[in-house]
Protein backbone atom coordinates (compact mmCIF):
# COMPACT_ATOMS: atom_id res chain seq x y z
CA UNK A 1 86.51 68.48 124.18
CA UNK A 2 85.55 69.91 120.54
CA UNK A 3 85.73 72.88 118.43
CA UNK A 4 82.21 74.06 119.40
CA UNK A 5 81.65 77.50 118.64
CA UNK A 6 84.32 78.00 116.39
CA UNK A 7 83.61 79.89 112.98
CA UNK A 8 86.54 81.32 111.53
CA UNK A 9 90.35 81.13 111.91
CA UNK A 10 92.63 84.19 110.83
CA UNK A 11 96.40 82.72 109.38
CA UNK A 12 99.16 85.26 109.45
CA UNK A 13 100.59 83.75 105.76
CA UNK A 14 102.77 86.60 106.27
CA UNK A 15 103.93 89.68 108.28
CA UNK A 16 105.61 91.27 105.32
CA UNK A 17 103.85 94.14 103.67
CA UNK A 18 104.33 96.65 100.83
CA UNK A 19 102.37 99.57 102.20
CA UNK A 20 103.26 102.32 104.91
CA UNK A 21 100.03 102.86 106.50
CA UNK A 22 99.20 105.50 108.89
CA UNK A 23 96.50 103.29 110.58
CA UNK A 24 99.07 100.66 111.07
CA UNK A 25 99.71 99.45 114.81
CA UNK A 26 102.77 97.70 113.21
CA UNK A 27 104.32 100.77 112.20
CA UNK A 28 103.83 102.57 115.17
CA UNK A 29 105.64 99.66 116.98
CA UNK A 30 108.86 100.06 114.97
CA UNK A 31 108.95 103.39 115.27
CA UNK A 32 108.97 102.88 119.20
CA UNK A 33 111.31 100.19 118.95
CA UNK A 34 113.66 102.45 116.89
CA UNK A 35 113.23 105.37 119.76
CA UNK A 36 114.67 103.08 122.16
CA UNK A 37 117.58 101.58 120.03
CA UNK A 38 115.80 98.21 120.09
CA UNK A 39 115.63 95.64 117.11
CA UNK A 40 112.77 96.16 114.76
CA UNK A 41 110.27 93.66 114.06
CA UNK A 42 111.04 90.83 111.99
CA UNK A 43 108.82 90.49 109.47
CA UNK A 44 108.80 86.85 107.41
CA UNK A 45 106.16 84.22 106.21
CA UNK A 46 104.82 81.27 107.71
CA UNK A 47 106.16 77.98 106.92
CA UNK A 48 103.46 76.19 104.54
CA UNK A 49 104.46 73.16 106.57
CA UNK A 50 102.41 74.59 109.34
CA UNK A 51 100.01 75.39 107.22
CA UNK A 52 99.51 71.83 106.60
CA UNK A 53 99.63 71.01 110.09
CA UNK A 54 96.71 73.48 110.91
CA UNK A 55 94.73 72.20 108.05
CA UNK A 56 94.80 68.57 109.16
CA UNK A 57 92.35 69.92 112.39
CA UNK A 58 89.81 72.13 110.54
CA UNK A 59 86.27 70.82 110.37
CA UNK A 60 84.48 71.58 107.23
CA UNK A 61 82.84 74.85 106.25
CA UNK A 62 85.15 76.82 108.81
CA UNK A 63 85.98 80.31 107.72
CA UNK A 64 89.81 80.44 107.07
CA UNK A 65 90.56 84.08 106.86
CA UNK A 66 94.41 84.02 104.78
CA UNK A 67 95.28 87.19 106.26
CA UNK A 68 96.23 88.87 109.75
CA UNK A 69 98.94 91.56 110.15
CA UNK A 70 100.45 91.72 106.72
CA UNK A 71 99.74 91.94 102.86
CA UNK A 72 98.42 88.16 102.10
CA UNK A 73 99.22 88.34 98.50
CA UNK A 74 103.00 88.56 98.87
CA UNK A 75 103.04 85.06 100.27
CA UNK A 76 104.84 83.21 97.83
CA UNK A 77 102.42 79.98 97.88
CA UNK A 78 99.29 81.52 98.07
CA UNK A 79 97.74 79.50 95.36
CA UNK A 80 98.89 75.85 97.32
CA UNK A 81 97.37 77.83 100.44
CA UNK A 82 94.66 78.40 99.28
CA UNK A 83 94.09 75.08 97.53
CA UNK A 84 95.19 72.91 100.62
CA UNK A 85 92.01 74.22 102.99
CA UNK A 86 89.78 74.11 100.09
CA UNK A 87 90.41 70.48 99.97
CA UNK A 88 89.24 70.51 103.68
CA UNK A 89 85.70 72.71 102.14
CA UNK A 90 86.49 75.57 104.45
CA UNK A 91 85.62 79.01 102.94
CA UNK A 92 88.80 80.91 102.25
CA UNK A 93 88.79 84.65 102.38
CA UNK A 94 91.45 87.18 102.49
CA UNK A 95 91.86 90.99 103.26
CA UNK A 96 94.21 93.10 100.75
CA UNK A 97 95.39 96.59 99.99
CA UNK A 98 94.96 95.50 96.40
CA UNK A 99 98.37 96.25 94.95
CA UNK A 100 99.37 92.61 93.69
CA UNK A 101 95.93 92.06 92.51
CA UNK A 102 97.09 91.87 88.83
CA UNK A 103 100.25 90.09 89.89
CA UNK A 104 98.27 87.34 91.88
CA UNK A 105 95.11 87.37 89.60
CA UNK A 106 95.84 83.64 88.47
CA UNK A 107 96.56 82.46 92.26
CA UNK A 108 93.21 84.21 93.17
CA UNK A 109 90.71 83.97 90.35
CA UNK A 110 88.39 80.76 90.38
CA UNK A 111 90.46 79.80 93.94
CA UNK A 112 89.63 81.86 96.62
CA UNK A 113 86.04 82.10 97.55
CA UNK A 114 85.84 85.95 98.71
CA UNK A 115 88.16 88.97 98.92
CA UNK A 116 87.86 92.08 100.36
CA UNK A 117 89.90 95.44 99.00
CA UNK A 118 90.81 97.73 101.77
CA UNK A 119 90.63 101.48 100.96
CA UNK A 120 91.25 103.92 103.78
CA UNK A 121 91.01 107.74 103.69
CA UNK A 122 94.02 109.73 103.43
CA UNK A 123 96.13 106.92 101.44
CA UNK A 124 98.38 108.52 98.97
CA UNK A 125 98.26 105.62 97.01
CA UNK A 126 94.54 105.82 96.60
CA UNK A 127 94.47 106.83 92.81
CA UNK A 128 96.77 104.11 91.49
CA UNK A 129 94.68 101.47 94.03
CA UNK A 130 91.61 102.52 92.26
CA UNK A 131 92.85 101.62 89.00
CA UNK A 132 94.09 98.33 89.98
CA UNK A 133 90.43 97.35 91.16
CA UNK A 134 89.13 98.68 87.92
CA UNK A 135 91.48 96.67 86.11
CA UNK A 136 90.68 93.30 88.43
CA UNK A 137 87.28 93.33 88.24
CA UNK A 138 87.03 93.87 84.65
CA UNK A 139 89.47 91.08 83.99
CA UNK A 140 87.85 88.97 86.62
CA UNK A 141 84.14 89.52 85.44
CA UNK A 142 81.47 87.11 87.27
CA UNK A 143 83.96 84.49 88.43
CA UNK A 144 85.34 83.97 91.77
CA UNK A 145 86.07 85.40 94.13
CA UNK A 146 82.89 87.08 95.48
CA UNK A 147 84.53 90.81 95.72
CA UNK A 148 83.85 93.50 98.61
CA UNK A 149 85.33 97.09 98.91
CA UNK A 150 86.06 98.03 102.50
CA UNK A 151 85.80 101.79 103.07
CA UNK A 152 87.70 102.68 105.93
CA UNK A 153 86.63 106.11 107.34
CA UNK A 154 85.62 109.63 105.56
CA UNK A 155 85.45 107.79 101.68
CA UNK A 156 83.46 108.53 99.08
CA UNK A 157 81.52 105.63 97.90
CA UNK A 158 80.18 107.23 94.94
CA UNK A 159 83.16 106.25 92.24
CA UNK A 160 83.21 102.82 93.89
CA UNK A 161 79.43 102.03 92.96
CA UNK A 162 80.36 101.24 89.23
CA UNK A 163 82.34 97.94 90.21
CA UNK A 164 79.23 96.56 91.51
CA UNK A 165 80.82 95.07 94.36
CA UNK A 166 79.34 95.05 98.05
CA UNK A 167 80.74 97.95 99.69
CA UNK A 168 81.42 97.57 103.44
CA UNK A 169 81.61 101.09 105.32
CA UNK A 170 83.82 101.04 109.06
CA UNK A 171 85.11 103.37 111.32
CA UNK A 172 88.50 104.39 111.72
CA UNK A 173 90.55 103.72 114.45
CA UNK A 174 94.15 104.28 116.16
CA UNK A 175 97.20 102.72 115.35
CA UNK A 176 97.30 101.13 118.83
CA UNK A 177 94.88 98.77 117.65
CA UNK A 178 90.63 98.20 118.26
CA UNK A 179 90.93 102.03 120.11
CA UNK A 180 89.63 105.26 119.54
CA UNK A 181 87.12 104.57 116.84
CA UNK A 182 86.40 108.13 114.84
CA UNK A 183 83.75 108.88 112.52
CA UNK A 184 84.29 111.92 110.76
CA UNK A 185 86.66 113.20 113.44
CA UNK A 186 84.21 112.21 115.75
CA UNK A 187 84.68 110.39 118.73
CA UNK A 188 82.10 106.75 118.33
CA UNK A 189 81.70 103.63 119.98
CA UNK A 190 81.89 100.52 118.36
CA UNK A 191 78.59 98.23 118.24
CA UNK A 192 77.89 96.13 121.17
CA UNK A 193 75.64 93.10 120.88
CA UNK A 194 72.80 92.51 123.13
CA UNK A 195 74.58 90.03 125.36
CA UNK A 196 77.21 92.10 126.02
CA UNK A 197 80.15 89.67 125.02
CA UNK A 198 82.48 89.96 122.29
CA UNK A 199 81.69 88.16 119.31
CA UNK A 200 85.08 87.95 118.35
CA UNK A 201 86.34 86.28 121.45
CA UNK A 202 83.84 83.85 120.97
CA UNK A 203 83.82 82.42 117.66
CA UNK A 204 87.52 83.52 116.20
CA UNK A 205 91.27 82.09 116.75
CA UNK A 206 94.03 84.01 115.16
CA UNK A 207 97.69 82.16 114.23
CA UNK A 208 100.66 84.03 113.75
CA UNK A 209 103.76 82.65 111.09
CA UNK A 210 105.43 81.21 113.97
CA UNK A 211 102.20 79.23 115.10
CA UNK A 212 101.23 81.10 118.07
CA UNK A 213 97.42 81.04 118.43
CA UNK A 214 95.37 83.75 120.05
CA UNK A 215 92.11 83.92 121.49
CA UNK A 216 91.06 86.95 119.11
CA UNK A 217 92.58 88.79 116.14
CA UNK A 218 92.99 92.19 117.89
CA UNK A 219 96.50 93.87 117.44
CA UNK A 220 98.30 92.16 120.14
CA UNK A 221 102.05 93.22 119.69
CA UNK A 222 102.61 91.82 123.64
CA UNK A 223 101.33 88.66 122.74
CA UNK A 224 98.91 88.94 125.88
CA UNK A 225 96.04 86.90 124.00
CA UNK A 226 98.25 83.75 122.80
CA UNK A 227 97.07 80.60 124.18
CA UNK A 228 99.66 78.53 123.05
CA UNK A 229 101.22 77.29 119.92
CA UNK A 230 100.05 75.10 117.24
CA UNK A 231 103.34 73.12 117.00
CA UNK A 232 103.11 71.84 120.25
CA UNK A 233 99.24 71.63 120.85
CA UNK A 234 95.99 70.81 119.14
CA UNK A 235 92.81 72.99 118.20
CA UNK A 236 91.02 71.55 120.05
CA UNK A 237 93.01 71.60 123.27
CA UNK A 238 93.88 75.40 122.41
CA UNK A 239 90.30 76.32 122.09
CA UNK A 240 89.24 74.31 125.41
CA UNK A 241 92.05 75.62 126.94
CA UNK A 242 92.08 76.79 130.53
CA UNK A 243 92.78 80.21 129.64
CA UNK A 244 90.53 80.37 127.29
CA UNK A 245 88.19 79.27 129.25
CA UNK A 246 88.91 81.58 132.30
CA UNK A 247 88.47 84.37 130.02
CA UNK A 248 85.22 83.05 128.60
CA UNK A 249 83.94 82.58 131.88
CA UNK A 250 84.64 86.49 133.00
CA UNK A 251 83.31 87.75 129.39
CA UNK A 252 80.10 85.94 129.88
CA UNK A 253 79.85 87.53 134.35
CA UNK A 254 80.38 91.02 132.26
CA UNK A 255 84.06 91.07 134.01
CA UNK A 256 85.76 91.50 130.83
CA UNK A 257 87.63 94.88 132.41
CA UNK A 258 89.31 92.15 134.73
CA UNK A 259 91.06 90.92 131.87
CA UNK A 260 94.45 92.07 130.68
CA UNK A 261 94.58 93.59 127.16
CA UNK A 262 90.36 93.31 126.80
CA UNK A 263 89.84 95.67 129.31
CA UNK A 264 91.88 98.33 126.73
CA UNK A 265 89.99 97.23 124.46
CA UNK A 266 86.79 98.73 122.67
CA UNK A 267 85.56 95.92 120.03
CA UNK A 268 83.08 93.36 121.11
CA UNK A 269 83.40 91.64 117.60
CA UNK A 270 80.68 93.37 115.52
CA UNK A 271 82.31 95.51 112.91
CA UNK A 272 80.77 98.84 112.56
CA UNK A 273 79.78 101.02 109.65
CA UNK A 274 80.07 104.98 109.28
């Protein structure tokens, strides 16, 4: 057995976040639990020892995306986490809301390979975010990380062009997850590859702060996509486990509608711009 086909692992350094985004599925989940007088989601950080377990198993040149559902710049051992996977010659990346870019400047600059800053429509903190991005880009200059700006929804890119960053467009989606993609208030279907097979499923794994390993990075509050736990099984075992292979066969045969969760998802692993 091997890790053939695996290109990217998303690792949840922390499930904590410092924003209240209207497109966040976890905030919606919190409201639902509260309305039912149930305990809210418990947020926290991954143990560094768990990161070490993962790092010992990843091959060279894999993309390690140090984010999943939380804000990765809040992780107290961010610099050490990046360095851990750099030692394995992996490509390190993270997606951030940018609020802590200046505070964590020394942790990421000349250390992290790539970073993407998310800017989304109707964010009440957008002007403050813009000033932080400006300060970060000016202070960083040409040093790493390679920086992209991810504009989500109906946002003009005019004022962001001056930063000289790669601008990435993304459709706005429902807080429930990869559903109800909206473009300028019009329902749109995301891009589908010619194979008809979800590229996210074929090439990704996601590991949450508890070590649960999922076969894609979609928002999955009920853990329908969990294959097992990295504390009990190796990455190779999880990548080649019976559950994932059964799902893979259904995807290949065009029967994704027979898979719980996948039958509700509209995403095919190719992010769609406006």
